[in-house]
Amino acid sequence: MKTLTTTKIIEATVAATAILAGAAVIIPAAGILAAVGLVAGGLVAMAALESKGRAY
């Protein structure tokens, strides 16, 4: 019985570690993508304003 409990604890620890590791990889990647999106959006907006300014 004790072995079974120990195995379950180890499995739970491994699963929790895997979830945390996955989150540690996915969350920064999403943050980087959001930052890239913001920068790209800003550049597009600036380019649009520039072209409008030069059209006059």
PDB file of N, CA and C in Angstrom:
ATOM      1  N   MET A   1       0.829  -1.200   0.000  1.00  0.00           N
ATOM      2  CA  MET A   1       0.000   0.000   0.000  1.00  0.00           C
ATOM      3  C   MET A   1       0.873   1.263   0.000  1.00  0.00           C
ATOM      4  N   LYS A   2       1.940   1.227   0.778  1.00  0.00           N
ATOM      5  CA  LYS A   2       2.821   2.389   0.865  1.00  0.00           C
ATOM      6  C   LYS A   2       3.499   2.667  -0.477  1.00  0.00           C
ATOM      7  N   THR A   3       3.868   1.599  -1.176  1.00  0.00           N
ATOM      8  CA  THR A   3       4.513   1.753  -2.484  1.00  0.00           C
ATOM      9  C   THR A   3       3.562   2.417  -3.465  1.00  0.00           C
ATOM     10  N   LEU A   4       2.303   2.006  -3.422  1.00  0.00           N
ATOM     11  CA  LEU A   4       1.286   2.561  -4.316  1.00  0.00           C
ATOM     12  C   LEU A   4       1.133   4.061  -4.072  1.00  0.00           C
ATOM     13  N   THR A   5       1.077   4.456  -2.828  1.00  0.00           N
ATOM     14  CA  THR A   5       0.932   5.869  -2.472  1.00  0.00           C
ATOM     15  C   THR A   5       2.144   6.669  -2.938  1.00  0.00           C
ATOM     16  N   THR A   6       3.317   6.120  -2.722  1.00  0.00           N
ATOM     17  CA  THR A   6       4.549   6.795  -3.148  1.00  0.00           C
ATOM     18  C   THR A   6       4.560   6.969  -4.655  1.00  0.00           C
ATOM     19  N   THR A   7       4.152   5.927  -5.378  1.00  0.00           N
ATOM     20  CA  THR A   7       4.107   5.993  -6.839  1.00  0.00           C
ATOM     21  C   THR A   7       3.135   7.074  -7.285  1.00  0.00           C
ATOM     22  N   LYS A   8       1.974   7.143  -6.637  1.00  0.00           N
ATOM     23  CA  LYS A   8       0.984   8.166  -6.993  1.00  0.00           C
ATOM     24  C   LYS A   8       1.529   9.567  -6.736  1.00  0.00           C
ATOM     25  N   ILE A   9       2.231   9.729  -5.627  1.00  0.00           N
ATOM     26  CA  ILE A   9       2.815  11.042  -5.302  1.00  0.00           C
ATOM     27  C   ILE A   9       3.846  11.428  -6.358  1.00  0.00           C
ATOM     28  N   ILE A  10       4.678  10.468  -6.748  1.00  0.00           N
ATOM     29  CA  ILE A  10       5.704  10.732  -7.768  1.00  0.00           C
ATOM     30  C   ILE A  10       5.040  11.088  -9.092  1.00  0.00           C
ATOM     31  N   GLU A  11       4.009  10.326  -9.471  1.00  0.00           N
ATOM     32  CA  GLU A  11       3.297  10.602 -10.722  1.00  0.00           C
ATOM     33  C   GLU A  11       2.672  11.994 -10.687  1.00  0.00           C
ATOM     34  N   ALA A  12       2.062  12.347  -9.573  1.00  0.00           N
ATOM     35  CA  ALA A  12       1.435  13.663  -9.437  1.00  0.00           C
ATOM     36  C   ALA A  12       2.484  14.771  -9.529  1.00  0.00           C
ATOM     37  N   THR A  13       3.632  14.536  -8.925  1.00  0.00           N
ATOM     38  CA  THR A  13       4.719  15.526  -8.972  1.00  0.00           C
ATOM     39  C   THR A  13       5.222  15.703 -10.393  1.00  0.00           C
ATOM     40  N   VAL A  14       5.405  14.584 -11.093  1.00  0.00           N
ATOM     41  CA  VAL A  14       5.871  14.631 -12.483  1.00  0.00           C
ATOM     42  C   VAL A  14       4.851  15.362 -13.350  1.00  0.00           C
ATOM     43  N   ALA A  15       3.566  15.049 -13.149  1.00  0.00           N
ATOM     44  CA  ALA A  15       2.509  15.699 -13.928  1.00  0.00           C
ATOM     45  C   ALA A  15       2.487  17.202 -13.655  1.00  0.00           C
ATOM     46  N   ALA A  16       2.584  17.586 -12.395  1.00  0.00           N
ATOM     47  CA  ALA A  16       2.578  19.006 -12.031  1.00  0.00           C
ATOM     48  C   ALA A  16       3.788  19.719 -12.632  1.00  0.00           C
ATOM     49  N   THR A  17       4.936  19.062 -12.591  1.00  0.00           N
ATOM     50  CA  THR A  17       6.154  19.649 -13.161  1.00  0.00           C
ATOM     51  C   THR A  17       5.998  19.841 -14.661  1.00  0.00           C
ATOM     52  N   ALA A  18       5.423  18.833 -15.324  1.00  0.00           N
ATOM     53  CA  ALA A  18       5.217  18.922 -16.772  1.00  0.00           C
ATOM     54  C   ALA A  18       4.268  20.068 -17.114  1.00  0.00           C
ATOM     55  N   ILE A  19       3.206  20.226 -16.334  1.00  0.00           N
ATOM     56  CA  ILE A  19       2.235  21.302 -16.573  1.00  0.00           C
ATOM     57  C   ILE A  19       2.906  22.663 -16.378  1.00  0.00           C
ATOM     58  N   LEU A  20       3.666  22.799 -15.297  1.00  0.00           N
ATOM     59  CA  LEU A  20       4.352  24.066 -15.025  1.00  0.00           C
ATOM     60  C   LEU A  20       5.384  24.378 -16.106  1.00  0.00           C
ATOM     61  N   ALA A  21       6.108  23.352 -16.533  1.00  0.00           N
ATOM     62  CA  ALA A  21       7.110  23.554 -17.580  1.00  0.00           C
ATOM     63  C   ALA A  21       6.432  23.975 -18.877  1.00  0.00           C
ATOM     64  N   GLY A  22       5.310  23.334 -19.184  1.00  0.00           N
ATOM     65  CA  GLY A  22       4.550  23.702 -20.385  1.00  0.00           C
ATOM     66  C   GLY A  22       4.066  25.134 -20.310  1.00  0.00           C
ATOM     67  N   ALA A  23       3.548  25.519 -19.153  1.00  0.00           N
ATOM     68  CA  ALA A  23       3.067  26.889 -18.966  1.00  0.00           C
ATOM     69  C   ALA A  23       4.223  27.876 -19.071  1.00  0.00           C
ATOM     70  N   ALA A  24       5.374  27.501 -18.537  1.00  0.00           N
ATOM     71  CA  ALA A  24       6.544  28.386 -18.579  1.00  0.00           C
ATOM     72  C   ALA A  24       7.005  28.625 -20.013  1.00  0.00           C
ATOM     73  N   VAL A  25       6.756  27.640 -20.884  1.00  0.00           N
ATOM     74  CA  VAL A  25       7.136  27.791 -22.295  1.00  0.00           C
ATOM     75  C   VAL A  25       6.048  28.534 -23.063  1.00  0.00           C
ATOM     76  N   ILE A  26       4.784  28.159 -22.837  1.00  0.00           N
ATOM     77  CA  ILE A  26       3.671  28.706 -23.622  1.00  0.00           C
ATOM     78  C   ILE A  26       3.388  30.168 -23.278  1.00  0.00           C
ATOM     79  N   ILE A  27       3.366  30.506 -21.990  1.00  0.00           N
ATOM     80  CA  ILE A  27       2.988  31.864 -21.583  1.00  0.00           C
ATOM     81  C   ILE A  27       3.963  32.925 -22.115  1.00  0.00           C
ATOM     82  N   PRO A  28       5.278  32.747 -21.959  1.00  0.00           N
ATOM     83  CA  PRO A  28       6.180  33.752 -22.548  1.00  0.00           C
ATOM     84  C   PRO A  28       6.065  33.820 -24.066  1.00  0.00           C
ATOM     85  N   ALA A  29       5.847  32.683 -24.711  1.00  0.00           N
ATOM     86  CA  ALA A  29       5.700  32.679 -26.169  1.00  0.00           C
ATOM     87  C   ALA A  29       4.488  33.512 -26.566  1.00  0.00           C
ATOM     88  N   ALA A  30       3.385  33.364 -25.835  1.00  0.00           N
ATOM     89  CA  ALA A  30       2.183  34.149 -26.113  1.00  0.00           C
ATOM     90  C   ALA A  30       2.461  35.629 -25.865  1.00  0.00           C
ATOM     91  N   GLY A  31       3.205  35.925 -24.810  1.00  0.00           N
ATOM     92  CA  GLY A  31       3.554  37.312 -24.509  1.00  0.00           C
ATOM     93  C   GLY A  31       4.413  37.923 -25.602  1.00  0.00           C
ATOM     94  N   ILE A  32       5.365  37.142 -26.105  1.00  0.00           N
ATOM     95  CA  ILE A  32       6.241  37.621 -27.180  1.00  0.00           C
ATOM     96  C   ILE A  32       5.419  37.862 -28.443  1.00  0.00           C
ATOM     97  N   LEU A  33       4.505  36.930 -28.757  1.00  0.00           N
ATOM     98  CA  LEU A  33       3.653  37.099 -29.935  1.00  0.00           C
ATOM     99  C   LEU A  33       2.797  38.350 -29.802  1.00  0.00           C
ATOM    100  N   ALA A  34       2.246  38.588 -28.610  1.00  0.00           N
ATOM    101  CA  ALA A  34       1.428  39.787 -28.384  1.00  0.00           C
ATOM    102  C   ALA A  34       2.272  41.045 -28.576  1.00  0.00           C
ATOM    103  N   ALA A  35       3.492  41.037 -28.053  1.00  0.00           N
ATOM    104  CA  ALA A  35       4.379  42.196 -28.204  1.00  0.00           C
ATOM    105  C   ALA A  35       4.716  42.434 -29.672  1.00  0.00           C
ATOM    106  N   VAL A  36       4.998  41.364 -30.393  1.00  0.00           N
ATOM    107  CA  VAL A  36       5.301  41.480 -31.826  1.00  0.00           C
ATOM    108  C   VAL A  36       4.088  42.036 -32.561  1.00  0.00           C
ATOM    109  N   GLY A  37       2.896  41.554 -32.195  1.00  0.00           N
ATOM    110  CA  GLY A  37       1.660  42.054 -32.806  1.00  0.00           C
ATOM    111  C   GLY A  37       1.472  43.535 -32.557  1.00  0.00           C
ATOM    112  N   LEU A  38       1.739  43.972 -31.327  1.00  0.00           N
ATOM    113  CA  LEU A  38       1.606  45.395 -30.993  1.00  0.00           C
ATOM    114  C   LEU A  38       2.592  46.241 -31.789  1.00  0.00           C
ATOM    115  N   VAL A  39       3.833  45.779 -31.865  1.00  0.00           N
ATOM    116  CA  VAL A  39       4.851  46.527 -32.610  1.00  0.00           C
ATOM    117  C   VAL A  39       4.477  46.595 -34.086  1.00  0.00           C
ATOM    118  N   ALA A  40       4.059  45.459 -34.648  1.00  0.00           N
ATOM    119  CA  ALA A  40       3.678  45.423 -36.062  1.00  0.00           C
ATOM    120  C   ALA A  40       2.487  46.348 -36.309  1.00  0.00           C
ATOM    121  N   GLY A  41       1.498  46.306 -35.407  1.00  0.00           N
ATOM    122  CA  GLY A  41       0.335  47.187 -35.533  1.00  0.00           C
ATOM    123  C   GLY A  41       0.749  48.645 -35.483  1.00  0.00           C
ATOM    124  N   GLY A  42       1.660  48.973 -34.584  1.00  0.00           N
ATOM    125  CA  GLY A  42       2.152  50.344 -34.480  1.00  0.00           C
ATOM    126  C   GLY A  42       2.874  50.788 -35.737  1.00  0.00           C
ATOM    127  N   LEU A  43       3.682  49.900 -36.306  1.00  0.00           N
ATOM    128  CA  LEU A  43       4.409  50.234 -37.535  1.00  0.00           C
ATOM    129  C   LEU A  43       3.449  50.452 -38.694  1.00  0.00           C
ATOM    130  N   VAL A  44       2.422  49.611 -38.781  1.00  0.00           N
ATOM    131  CA  VAL A  44       1.425  49.760 -39.850  1.00  0.00           C
ATOM    132  C   VAL A  44       0.696  51.090 -39.689  1.00  0.00           C
ATOM    133  N   ALA A  45       0.311  51.415 -38.448  1.00  0.00           N
ATOM    134  CA  ALA A  45      -0.388  52.684 -38.193  1.00  0.00           C
ATOM    135  C   ALA A  45       0.511  53.871 -38.543  1.00  0.00           C
ATOM    136  N   MET A  46       1.787  53.788 -38.177  1.00  0.00           N
ATOM    137  CA  MET A  46       2.720  54.875 -38.492  1.00  0.00           C
ATOM    138  C   MET A  46       2.891  55.014 -40.002  1.00  0.00           C
ATOM    139  N   ALA A  47       2.991  53.886 -40.687  1.00  0.00           N
ATOM    140  CA  ALA A  47       3.145  53.914 -42.141  1.00  0.00           C
ATOM    141  C   ALA A  47       1.913  54.532 -42.790  1.00  0.00           C
ATOM    142  N   ALA A  48       0.729  54.185 -42.280  1.00  0.00           N
ATOM    143  CA  ALA A  48      -0.513  54.745 -42.823  1.00  0.00           C
ATOM    144  C   ALA A  48      -0.545  56.257 -42.616  1.00  0.00           C
ATOM    145  N   LEU A  49      -0.159  56.704 -41.430  1.00  0.00           N
ATOM    146  CA  LEU A  49      -0.142  58.144 -41.151  1.00  0.00           C
ATOM    147  C   LEU A  49       0.886  58.863 -42.025  1.00  0.00           C
ATOM    148  N   GLU A  50       2.029  58.237 -42.199  1.00  0.00           N
ATOM    149  CA  GLU A  50       3.079  58.829 -43.035  1.00  0.00           C
ATOM    150  C   GLU A  50       2.588  58.993 -44.468  1.00  0.00           C
ATOM    151  N   SER A  51       1.972  57.932 -44.997  1.00  0.00           N
ATOM    152  CA  SER A  51       1.518  57.986 -46.389  1.00  0.00           C
ATOM    153  C   SER A  51       0.408  59.026 -46.545  1.00  0.00           C
ATOM    154  N   LYS A  52      -0.459  59.149 -45.542  1.00  0.00           N
ATOM    155  CA  LYS A  52      -1.514  60.165 -45.598  1.00  0.00           C
ATOM    156  C   LYS A  52      -0.896  61.558 -45.536  1.00  0.00           C
ATOM    157  N   GLY A  53       0.094  61.713 -44.661  1.00  0.00           N
ATOM    158  CA  GLY A  53       0.760  63.003 -44.521  1.00  0.00           C
ATOM    159  C   GLY A  53       1.458  63.423 -45.799  1.00  0.00           C
ATOM    160  N   ARG A  54       2.031  62.479 -46.495  1.00  0.00           N
ATOM    161  CA  ARG A  54       2.768  62.797 -47.718  1.00  0.00           C
ATOM    162  C   ARG A  54       1.831  62.963 -48.907  1.00  0.00           C
ATOM    163  N   ALA A  55       0.620  62.420 -48.797  1.00  0.00           N
ATOM    164  CA  ALA A  55      -0.322  62.522 -49.907  1.00  0.00           C
ATOM    165  C   ALA A  55      -0.833  63.956 -50.044  1.00  0.00           C
ATOM    166  N   TYR A  56      -0.814  64.701 -48.938  1.00  0.00           N
ATOM    167  CA  TYR A  56      -1.367  66.064 -49.005  1.00  0.00           C
ATOM    168  C   TYR A  56      -0.410  67.007 -49.695  1.00  0.00           C
TER     169      TYR A  56
END
